[in-house]
Amino acid sequence: MRLKPGVLQWAAVACFCVGLIYALGLEGGAQIGQPITDGEFITAMVLILTSIALGRLSFALEDRQQRSRYGKINRTHARNTEYPALPEHSSRRDA
């Protein structure tokens, strides 16, 4: 099972939101006179920096998958007339 870039992007968004909410809680506590400890500040910054790292990793993975030689199968080409589809699989009915 391969890791999809979308999973990493959702994880980055989740980490960023949690870190931002935590930082806003710290800021609100500071406004009412509550002291901010180093651990609280480091926790908020680690969550925000983790979200940035996950975002960059997801875009790098997406670029790597697009450049991969073993990507998705290209089915946009026309069928060769020398090798028609099998009659039992064809949607066309010849009488």
PDB file of N, CA and C in Angstrom:
ATOM      1  N   MET A   1       0.831  -1.162   0.000  1.00  0.00           N
ATOM      2  CA  MET A   1       0.000   0.000   0.000  1.00  0.00           C
ATOM      3  C   MET A   1       0.890   1.245   0.000  1.00  0.00           C
ATOM      4  N   ARG A   2       0.624   2.135  -0.923  1.00  0.00           N
ATOM      5  CA  ARG A   2       1.424   3.353  -1.034  1.00  0.00           C
ATOM      6  C   ARG A   2       0.792   4.472  -0.238  1.00  0.00           C
ATOM      7  N   LEU A   3       1.650   5.348   0.246  1.00  0.00           N
ATOM      8  CA  LEU A   3       1.180   6.524   0.969  1.00  0.00           C
ATOM      9  C   LEU A   3       0.788   7.589  -0.042  1.00  0.00           C
ATOM     10  N   LYS A   4      -0.416   8.076   0.062  1.00  0.00           N
ATOM     11  CA  LYS A   4      -0.923   9.078  -0.874  1.00  0.00           C
ATOM     12  C   LYS A   4      -0.584  10.473  -0.382  1.00  0.00           C
ATOM     13  N   PRO A   5      -0.318  11.410  -1.308  1.00  0.00           N
ATOM     14  CA  PRO A   5      -0.019  12.786  -0.899  1.00  0.00           C
ATOM     15  C   PRO A   5      -1.186  13.457  -0.175  1.00  0.00           C
ATOM     16  N   GLY A   6      -2.400  13.085  -0.513  1.00  0.00           N
ATOM     17  CA  GLY A   6      -3.560  13.683   0.138  1.00  0.00           C
ATOM     18  C   GLY A   6      -3.624  13.368   1.627  1.00  0.00           C
ATOM     19  N   VAL A   7      -3.161  12.176   2.014  1.00  0.00           N
ATOM     20  CA  VAL A   7      -3.146  11.806   3.427  1.00  0.00           C
ATOM     21  C   VAL A   7      -2.185  12.714   4.188  1.00  0.00           C
ATOM     22  N   LEU A   8      -1.020  12.959   3.605  1.00  0.00           N
ATOM     23  CA  LEU A   8      -0.059  13.848   4.246  1.00  0.00           C
ATOM     24  C   LEU A   8      -0.570  15.280   4.301  1.00  0.00           C
ATOM     25  N   GLN A   9      -1.290  15.706   3.278  1.00  0.00           N
ATOM     26  CA  GLN A   9      -1.833  17.062   3.284  1.00  0.00           C
ATOM     27  C   GLN A   9      -2.892  17.218   4.365  1.00  0.00           C
ATOM     28  N   TRP A  10      -3.737  16.209   4.558  1.00  0.00           N
ATOM     29  CA  TRP A  10      -4.730  16.280   5.629  1.00  0.00           C
ATOM     30  C   TRP A  10      -4.055  16.263   6.993  1.00  0.00           C
ATOM     31  N   ALA A  11      -2.991  15.477   7.138  1.00  0.00           N
ATOM     32  CA  ALA A  11      -2.252  15.455   8.406  1.00  0.00           C
ATOM     33  C   ALA A  11      -1.605  16.812   8.671  1.00  0.00           C
ATOM     34  N   ALA A  12      -1.103  17.463   7.618  1.00  0.00           N
ATOM     35  CA  ALA A  12      -0.503  18.788   7.776  1.00  0.00           C
ATOM     36  C   ALA A  12      -1.546  19.807   8.209  1.00  0.00           C
ATOM     37  N   VAL A  13      -2.722  19.748   7.614  1.00  0.00           N
ATOM     38  CA  VAL A  13      -3.799  20.671   7.989  1.00  0.00           C
ATOM     39  C   VAL A  13      -4.216  20.434   9.435  1.00  0.00           C
ATOM     40  N   ALA A  14      -4.314  19.172   9.841  1.00  0.00           N
ATOM     41  CA  ALA A  14      -4.709  18.860  11.214  1.00  0.00           C
ATOM     42  C   ALA A  14      -3.663  19.359  12.212  1.00  0.00           C
ATOM     43  N   CYS A  15      -2.387  19.114  11.933  1.00  0.00           N
ATOM     44  CA  CYS A  15      -1.320  19.587  12.827  1.00  0.00           C
ATOM     45  C   CYS A  15      -1.318  21.108  12.915  1.00  0.00           C
ATOM     46  N   PHE A  16      -1.524  21.782  11.791  1.00  0.00           N
ATOM     47  CA  PHE A  16      -1.523  23.237  11.794  1.00  0.00           C
ATOM     48  C   PHE A  16      -2.693  23.777  12.618  1.00  0.00           C
ATOM     49  N   CYS A  17      -3.871  23.194  12.445  1.00  0.00           N
ATOM     50  CA  CYS A  17      -5.039  23.670  13.193  1.00  0.00           C
ATOM     51  C   CYS A  17      -4.868  23.456  14.691  1.00  0.00           C
ATOM     52  N   VAL A  18      -4.381  22.290  15.078  1.00  0.00           N
ATOM     53  CA  VAL A  18      -4.182  22.019  16.505  1.00  0.00           C
ATOM     54  C   VAL A  18      -3.118  22.948  17.077  1.00  0.00           C
ATOM     55  N   GLY A  19      -2.023  23.143  16.351  1.00  0.00           N
ATOM     56  CA  GLY A  19      -0.975  24.047  16.823  1.00  0.00           C
ATOM     57  C   GLY A  19      -1.444  25.481  16.929  1.00  0.00           C
ATOM     58  N   LEU A  20      -2.247  25.915  15.969  1.00  0.00           N
ATOM     59  CA  LEU A  20      -2.754  27.285  15.985  1.00  0.00           C
ATOM     60  C   LEU A  20      -3.749  27.497  17.127  1.00  0.00           C
ATOM     61  N   ILE A  21      -4.616  26.534  17.354  1.00  0.00           N
ATOM     62  CA  ILE A  21      -5.568  26.637  18.465  1.00  0.00           C
ATOM     63  C   ILE A  21      -4.830  26.643  19.797  1.00  0.00           C
ATOM     64  N   TYR A  22      -3.807  25.810  19.906  1.00  0.00           N
ATOM     65  CA  TYR A  22      -3.008  25.768  21.138  1.00  0.00           C
ATOM     66  C   TYR A  22      -2.290  27.099  21.351  1.00  0.00           C
ATOM     67  N   ALA A  23      -1.734  27.670  20.292  1.00  0.00           N
ATOM     68  CA  ALA A  23      -1.044  28.956  20.405  1.00  0.00           C
ATOM     69  C   ALA A  23      -2.019  30.076  20.747  1.00  0.00           C
ATOM     70  N   LEU A  24      -3.220  30.043  20.184  1.00  0.00           N
ATOM     71  CA  LEU A  24      -4.222  31.051  20.521  1.00  0.00           C
ATOM     72  C   LEU A  24      -4.667  30.928  21.974  1.00  0.00           C
ATOM     73  N   GLY A  25      -4.725  29.723  22.485  1.00  0.00           N
ATOM     74  CA  GLY A  25      -5.036  29.524  23.902  1.00  0.00           C
ATOM     75  C   GLY A  25      -3.949  30.092  24.795  1.00  0.00           C
ATOM     76  N   LEU A  26      -2.714  29.915  24.398  1.00  0.00           N
ATOM     77  CA  LEU A  26      -1.601  30.503  25.153  1.00  0.00           C
ATOM     78  C   LEU A  26      -1.666  32.026  25.132  1.00  0.00           C
ATOM     79  N   GLU A  27      -1.980  32.572  23.985  1.00  0.00           N
ATOM     80  CA  GLU A  27      -2.052  34.023  23.850  1.00  0.00           C
ATOM     81  C   GLU A  27      -3.193  34.582  24.700  1.00  0.00           C
ATOM     82  N   GLY A  28      -4.311  33.886  24.726  1.00  0.00           N
ATOM     83  CA  GLY A  28      -5.429  34.321  25.563  1.00  0.00           C
ATOM     84  C   GLY A  28      -5.093  34.247  27.039  1.00  0.00           C
ATOM     85  N   GLY A  29      -4.374  33.214  27.418  1.00  0.00           N
ATOM     86  CA  GLY A  29      -3.942  33.109  28.814  1.00  0.00           C
ATOM     87  C   GLY A  29      -2.955  34.206  29.181  1.00  0.00           C
ATOM     88  N   ALA A  30      -2.098  34.583  28.250  1.00  0.00           N
ATOM     89  CA  ALA A  30      -1.129  35.648  28.507  1.00  0.00           C
ATOM     90  C   ALA A  30      -1.825  36.990  28.687  1.00  0.00           C
ATOM     91  N   GLN A  31      -2.944  37.196  27.999  1.00  0.00           N
ATOM     92  CA  GLN A  31      -3.654  38.463  28.131  1.00  0.00           C
ATOM     93  C   GLN A  31      -4.299  38.630  29.501  1.00  0.00           C
ATOM     94  N   ILE A  32      -4.626  37.532  30.157  1.00  0.00           N
ATOM     95  CA  ILE A  32      -5.229  37.641  31.490  1.00  0.00           C
ATOM     96  C   ILE A  32      -4.174  37.509  32.589  1.00  0.00           C
ATOM     97  N   GLY A  33      -2.902  37.445  32.220  1.00  0.00           N
ATOM     98  CA  GLY A  33      -1.827  37.436  33.204  1.00  0.00           C
ATOM     99  C   GLY A  33      -1.264  36.075  33.543  1.00  0.00           C
ATOM    100  N   GLN A  34      -1.679  35.045  32.867  1.00  0.00           N
ATOM    101  CA  GLN A  34      -1.158  33.702  33.115  1.00  0.00           C
ATOM    102  C   GLN A  34       0.214  33.559  32.455  1.00  0.00           C
ATOM    103  N   PRO A  35       1.202  33.026  33.140  1.00  0.00           N
ATOM    104  CA  PRO A  35       2.534  32.905  32.530  1.00  0.00           C
ATOM    105  C   PRO A  35       2.571  31.796  31.468  1.00  0.00           C
ATOM    106  N   ILE A  36       3.405  31.997  30.447  1.00  0.00           N
ATOM    107  CA  ILE A  36       3.593  31.003  29.384  1.00  0.00           C
ATOM    108  C   ILE A  36       4.880  30.246  29.688  1.00  0.00           C
ATOM    109  N   THR A  37       4.776  28.937  29.809  1.00  0.00           N
ATOM    110  CA  THR A  37       5.976  28.141  30.071  1.00  0.00           C
ATOM    111  C   THR A  37       6.666  27.786  28.759  1.00  0.00           C
ATOM    112  N   ASP A  38       7.912  27.388  28.873  1.00  0.00           N
ATOM    113  CA  ASP A  38       8.672  27.008  27.683  1.00  0.00           C
ATOM    114  C   ASP A  38       8.075  25.786  26.995  1.00  0.00           C
ATOM    115  N   GLY A  39       7.600  24.841  27.778  1.00  0.00           N
ATOM    116  CA  GLY A  39       7.030  23.624  27.210  1.00  0.00           C
ATOM    117  C   GLY A  39       5.789  23.891  26.385  1.00  0.00           C
ATOM    118  N   GLU A  40       4.959  24.805  26.841  1.00  0.00           N
ATOM    119  CA  GLU A  40       3.753  25.143  26.095  1.00  0.00           C
ATOM    120  C   GLU A  40       4.099  25.814  24.764  1.00  0.00           C
ATOM    121  N   PHE A  41       5.049  26.734  24.818  1.00  0.00           N
ATOM    122  CA  PHE A  41       5.459  27.419  23.596  1.00  0.00           C
ATOM    123  C   PHE A  41       6.103  26.450  22.606  1.00  0.00           C
ATOM    124  N   ILE A  42       6.950  25.569  23.103  1.00  0.00           N
ATOM    125  CA  ILE A  42       7.628  24.599  22.235  1.00  0.00           C
ATOM    126  C   ILE A  42       6.610  23.645  21.609  1.00  0.00           C
ATOM    127  N   THR A  43       5.607  23.238  22.379  1.00  0.00           N
ATOM    128  CA  THR A  43       4.573  22.343  21.842  1.00  0.00           C
ATOM    129  C   THR A  43       3.832  22.993  20.681  1.00  0.00           C
ATOM    130  N   ALA A  44       3.451  24.243  20.828  1.00  0.00           N
ATOM    131  CA  ALA A  44       2.745  24.939  19.756  1.00  0.00           C
ATOM    132  C   ALA A  44       3.628  25.089  18.523  1.00  0.00           C
ATOM    133  N   MET A  45       4.883  25.463  18.719  1.00  0.00           N
ATOM    134  CA  MET A  45       5.784  25.650  17.576  1.00  0.00           C
ATOM    135  C   MET A  45       6.112  24.326  16.885  1.00  0.00           C
ATOM    136  N   VAL A  46       6.268  23.255  17.656  1.00  0.00           N
ATOM    137  CA  VAL A  46       6.552  21.939  17.050  1.00  0.00           C
ATOM    138  C   VAL A  46       5.375  21.486  16.193  1.00  0.00           C
ATOM    139  N   LEU A  47       4.153  21.708  16.651  1.00  0.00           N
ATOM    140  CA  LEU A  47       2.981  21.324  15.857  1.00  0.00           C
ATOM    141  C   LEU A  47       2.909  22.125  14.560  1.00  0.00           C
ATOM    142  N   ILE A  48       3.182  23.411  14.631  1.00  0.00           N
ATOM    143  CA  ILE A  48       3.124  24.242  13.431  1.00  0.00           C
ATOM    144  C   ILE A  48       4.252  23.885  12.467  1.00  0.00           C
ATOM    145  N   LEU A  49       5.455  23.670  12.988  1.00  0.00           N
ATOM    146  CA  LEU A  49       6.584  23.291  12.118  1.00  0.00           C
ATOM    147  C   LEU A  49       6.409  21.894  11.534  1.00  0.00           C
ATOM    148  N   THR A  50       5.775  20.997  12.279  1.00  0.00           N
ATOM    149  CA  THR A  50       5.470  19.662  11.753  1.00  0.00           C
ATOM    150  C   THR A  50       4.493  19.756  10.593  1.00  0.00           C
ATOM    151  N   SER A  51       3.530  20.660  10.696  1.00  0.00           N
ATOM    152  CA  SER A  51       2.575  20.815   9.595  1.00  0.00           C
ATOM    153  C   SER A  51       3.280  21.325   8.335  1.00  0.00           C
ATOM    154  N   ILE A  52       4.233  22.223   8.489  1.00  0.00           N
ATOM    155  CA  ILE A  52       4.986  22.718   7.334  1.00  0.00           C
ATOM    156  C   ILE A  52       5.802  21.589   6.712  1.00  0.00           C
ATOM    157  N   ALA A  53       6.448  20.781   7.551  1.00  0.00           N
ATOM    158  CA  ALA A  53       7.256  19.658   7.048  1.00  0.00           C
ATOM    159  C   ALA A  53       6.386  18.629   6.328  1.00  0.00           C
ATOM    160  N   LEU A  54       5.221  18.325   6.881  1.00  0.00           N
ATOM    161  CA  LEU A  54       4.320  17.363   6.232  1.00  0.00           C
ATOM    162  C   LEU A  54       3.799  17.903   4.904  1.00  0.00           C
ATOM    163  N   GLY A  55       3.534  19.202   4.838  1.00  0.00           N
ATOM    164  CA  GLY A  55       3.079  19.803   3.582  1.00  0.00           C
ATOM    165  C   GLY A  55       4.142  19.721   2.503  1.00  0.00           C
ATOM    166  N   ARG A  56       5.379  20.051   2.855  1.00  0.00           N
ATOM    167  CA  ARG A  56       6.468  19.970   1.881  1.00  0.00           C
ATOM    168  C   ARG A  56       6.701  18.526   1.432  1.00  0.00           C
ATOM    169  N   LEU A  57       6.609  17.593   2.373  1.00  0.00           N
ATOM    170  CA  LEU A  57       6.793  16.182   2.043  1.00  0.00           C
ATOM    171  C   LEU A  57       5.684  15.679   1.121  1.00  0.00           C
ATOM    172  N   SER A  58       4.451  16.138   1.338  1.00  0.00           N
ATOM    173  CA  SER A  58       3.345  15.683   0.495  1.00  0.00           C
ATOM    174  C   SER A  58       3.503  16.187  -0.936  1.00  0.00           C
ATOM    175  N   PHE A  59       3.943  17.444  -1.100  1.00  0.00           N
ATOM    176  CA  PHE A  59       4.136  17.967  -2.452  1.00  0.00           C
ATOM    177  C   PHE A  59       5.321  17.295  -3.147  1.00  0.00           C
ATOM    178  N   ALA A  60       6.365  16.962  -2.392  1.00  0.00           N
ATOM    179  CA  ALA A  60       7.498  16.240  -2.983  1.00  0.00           C
ATOM    180  C   ALA A  60       7.070  14.839  -3.414  1.00  0.00           C
ATOM    181  N   LEU A  61       6.247  14.183  -2.606  1.00  0.00           N
ATOM    182  CA  LEU A  61       5.754  12.851  -2.961  1.00  0.00           C
ATOM    183  C   LEU A  61       4.852  12.913  -4.182  1.00  0.00           C
ATOM    184  N   GLU A  62       4.034  13.952  -4.274  1.00  0.00           N
ATOM    185  CA  GLU A  62       3.152  14.114  -5.436  1.00  0.00           C
ATOM    186  C   GLU A  62       3.972  14.328  -6.713  1.00  0.00           C
ATOM    187  N   ASP A  63       5.014  15.141  -6.641  1.00  0.00           N
ATOM    188  CA  ASP A  63       5.887  15.340  -7.803  1.00  0.00           C
ATOM    189  C   ASP A  63       6.596  14.052  -8.192  1.00  0.00           C
ATOM    190  N   ARG A  64       7.035  13.299  -7.202  1.00  0.00           N
ATOM    191  CA  ARG A  64       7.743  12.046  -7.489  1.00  0.00           C
ATOM    192  C   ARG A  64       6.821  11.035  -8.154  1.00  0.00           C
ATOM    193  N   GLN A  65       5.572  10.980  -7.712  1.00  0.00           N
ATOM    194  CA  GLN A  65       4.632  10.043  -8.316  1.00  0.00           C
ATOM    195  C   GLN A  65       4.273  10.454  -9.737  1.00  0.00           C
ATOM    196  N   GLN A  66       4.234  11.743 -10.024  1.00  0.00           N
ATOM    197  CA  GLN A  66       3.921  12.188 -11.379  1.00  0.00           C
ATOM    198  C   GLN A  66       5.091  11.907 -12.324  1.00  0.00           C
ATOM    199  N   ARG A  67       6.332  11.976 -11.821  1.00  0.00           N
ATOM    200  CA  ARG A  67       7.496  11.723 -12.662  1.00  0.00           C
ATOM    201  C   ARG A  67       7.833  10.241 -12.765  1.00  0.00           C
ATOM    202  N   SER A  68       7.139   9.420 -12.010  1.00  0.00           N
ATOM    203  CA  SER A  68       7.445   8.002 -11.978  1.00  0.00           C
ATOM    204  C   SER A  68       7.173   7.355 -13.331  1.00  0.00           C
ATOM    205  N   ARG A  69       8.038   6.440 -13.697  1.00  0.00           N
ATOM    206  CA  ARG A  69       7.881   5.718 -14.953  1.00  0.00           C
ATOM    207  C   ARG A  69       6.731   4.723 -14.854  1.00  0.00           C
ATOM    208  N   TYR A  70       6.443   4.279 -13.651  1.00  0.00           N
ATOM    209  CA  TYR A  70       5.395   3.288 -13.448  1.00  0.00           C
ATOM    210  C   TYR A  70       4.150   3.956 -12.882  1.00  0.00           C
ATOM    211  N   GLY A  71       3.676   4.972 -13.544  1.00  0.00           N
ATOM    212  CA  GLY A  71       2.503   5.716 -13.092  1.00  0.00           C
ATOM    213  C   GLY A  71       1.222   5.037 -13.518  1.00  0.00           C
ATOM    214  N   LYS A  72       0.201   5.820 -13.694  1.00  0.00           N
ATOM    215  CA  LYS A  72      -1.090   5.290 -14.097  1.00  0.00           C
ATOM    216  C   LYS A  72      -1.050   4.876 -15.565  1.00  0.00           C
ATOM    217  N   ILE A  73      -1.918   3.960 -15.912  1.00  0.00           N
ATOM    218  CA  ILE A  73      -1.996   3.487 -17.288  1.00  0.00           C
ATOM    219  C   ILE A  73      -2.728   4.530 -18.120  1.00  0.00           C
ATOM    220  N   ASN A  74      -2.169   4.877 -19.262  1.00  0.00           N
ATOM    221  CA  ASN A  74      -2.773   5.861 -20.156  1.00  0.00           C
ATOM    222  C   ASN A  74      -3.794   5.158 -21.042  1.00  0.00           C
ATOM    223  N   ARG A  75      -5.051   5.441 -20.843  1.00  0.00           N
ATOM    224  CA  ARG A  75      -6.121   4.806 -21.618  1.00  0.00           C
ATOM    225  C   ARG A  75      -6.816   5.810 -22.527  1.00  0.00           C
ATOM    226  N   THR A  76      -6.127   6.883 -22.886  1.00  0.00           N
ATOM    227  CA  THR A  76      -6.748   7.893 -23.738  1.00  0.00           C
ATOM    228  C   THR A  76      -6.505   7.640 -25.219  1.00  0.00           C
ATOM    229  N   HIS A  77      -5.763   6.628 -25.557  1.00  0.00           N
ATOM    230  CA  HIS A  77      -5.477   6.354 -26.955  1.00  0.00           C
ATOM    231  C   HIS A  77      -6.624   5.572 -27.600  1.00  0.00           C
ATOM    232  N   ALA A  78      -6.703   5.657 -28.894  1.00  0.00           N
ATOM    233  CA  ALA A  78      -7.759   4.956 -29.629  1.00  0.00           C
ATOM    234  C   ALA A  78      -7.396   3.481 -29.786  1.00  0.00           C
ATOM    235  N   ARG A  79      -8.404   2.660 -29.898  1.00  0.00           N
ATOM    236  CA  ARG A  79      -8.174   1.225 -30.079  1.00  0.00           C
ATOM    237  C   ARG A  79      -7.710   0.960 -31.508  1.00  0.00           C
ATOM    238  N   ASN A  80      -6.762   0.091 -31.636  1.00  0.00           N
ATOM    239  CA  ASN A  80      -6.242  -0.286 -32.940  1.00  0.00           C
ATOM    240  C   ASN A  80      -7.311  -1.081 -33.694  1.00  0.00           C
ATOM    241  N   THR A  81      -7.566  -0.700 -34.939  1.00  0.00           N
ATOM    242  CA  THR A  81      -8.613  -1.366 -35.718  1.00  0.00           C
ATOM    243  C   THR A  81      -8.217  -2.770 -36.142  1.00  0.00           C
ATOM    244  N   GLU A  82      -6.933  -3.075 -36.120  1.00  0.00           N
ATOM    245  CA  GLU A  82      -6.496  -4.430 -36.473  1.00  0.00           C
ATOM    246  C   GLU A  82      -6.874  -5.438 -35.399  1.00  0.00           C
ATOM    247  N   TYR A  83      -7.003  -4.970 -34.172  1.00  0.00           N
ATOM    248  CA  TYR A  83      -7.339  -5.856 -33.063  1.00  0.00           C
ATOM    249  C   TYR A  83      -8.627  -5.360 -32.412  1.00  0.00           C
ATOM    250  N   PRO A  84      -9.787  -5.674 -32.999  1.00  0.00           N
ATOM    251  CA  PRO A  84     -11.044  -5.190 -32.425  1.00  0.00           C
ATOM    252  C   PRO A  84     -11.332  -5.882 -31.087  1.00  0.00           C
ATOM    253  N   ALA A  85     -12.219  -5.292 -30.349  1.00  0.00           N
ATOM    254  CA  ALA A  85     -12.620  -5.866 -29.076  1.00  0.00           C
ATOM    255  C   ALA A  85     -13.374  -7.174 -29.311  1.00  0.00           C
ATOM    256  N   LEU A  86     -13.375  -8.029 -28.324  1.00  0.00           N
ATOM    257  CA  LEU A  86     -14.112  -9.275 -28.440  1.00  0.00           C
ATOM    258  C   LEU A  86     -15.603  -8.965 -28.544  1.00  0.00           C
ATOM    259  N   PRO A  87     -16.334  -9.703 -29.385  1.00  0.00           N
ATOM    260  CA  PRO A  87     -17.760  -9.393 -29.596  1.00  0.00           C
ATOM    261  C   PRO A  87     -18.593  -9.491 -28.317  1.00  0.00           C
ATOM    262  N   GLU A  88     -18.267 -10.428 -27.438  1.00  0.00           N
ATOM    263  CA  GLU A  88     -19.073 -10.564 -26.223  1.00  0.00           C
ATOM    264  C   GLU A  88     -18.815  -9.434 -25.223  1.00  0.00           C
ATOM    265  N   HIS A  89     -17.709  -8.686 -25.383  1.00  0.00           N
ATOM    266  CA  HIS A  89     -17.400  -7.567 -24.517  1.00  0.00           C
ATOM    267  C   HIS A  89     -17.747  -6.225 -25.158  1.00  0.00           C
ATOM    268  N   SER A  90     -18.112  -6.235 -26.381  1.00  0.00           N
ATOM    269  CA  SER A  90     -18.358  -4.998 -27.108  1.00  0.00           C
ATOM    270  C   SER A  90     -19.762  -4.474 -26.827  1.00  0.00           C
ATOM    271  N   SER A  91     -19.893  -3.150 -26.805  1.00  0.00           N
ATOM    272  CA  SER A  91     -21.222  -2.558 -26.608  1.00  0.00           C
ATOM    273  C   SER A  91     -21.952  -2.455 -27.938  1.00  0.00           C
ATOM    274  N   ARG A  92     -21.226  -2.615 -29.035  1.00  0.00           N
ATOM    275  CA  ARG A  92     -21.823  -2.526 -30.360  1.00  0.00           C
ATOM    276  C   ARG A  92     -22.380  -3.886 -30.759  1.00  0.00           C
ATOM    277  N   ARG A  93     -23.597  -3.913 -31.277  1.00  0.00           N
ATOM    278  CA  ARG A  93     -24.232  -5.169 -31.690  1.00  0.00           C
ATOM    279  C   ARG A  93     -24.345  -5.188 -33.201  1.00  0.00           C
ATOM    280  N   ASP A  94     -23.633  -6.103 -33.826  1.00  0.00           N
ATOM    281  CA  ASP A  94     -23.746  -6.287 -35.287  1.00  0.00           C
ATOM    282  C   ASP A  94     -24.721  -7.438 -35.547  1.00  0.00           C
ATOM    283  N   ALA A  95     -25.656  -7.197 -36.450  1.00  0.00           N
ATOM    284  CA  ALA A  95     -26.664  -8.224 -36.719  1.00  0.00           C
ATOM    285  C   ALA A  95     -26.365  -8.985 -37.967  1.00  0.00           C
TER     286      ALA A  95
END
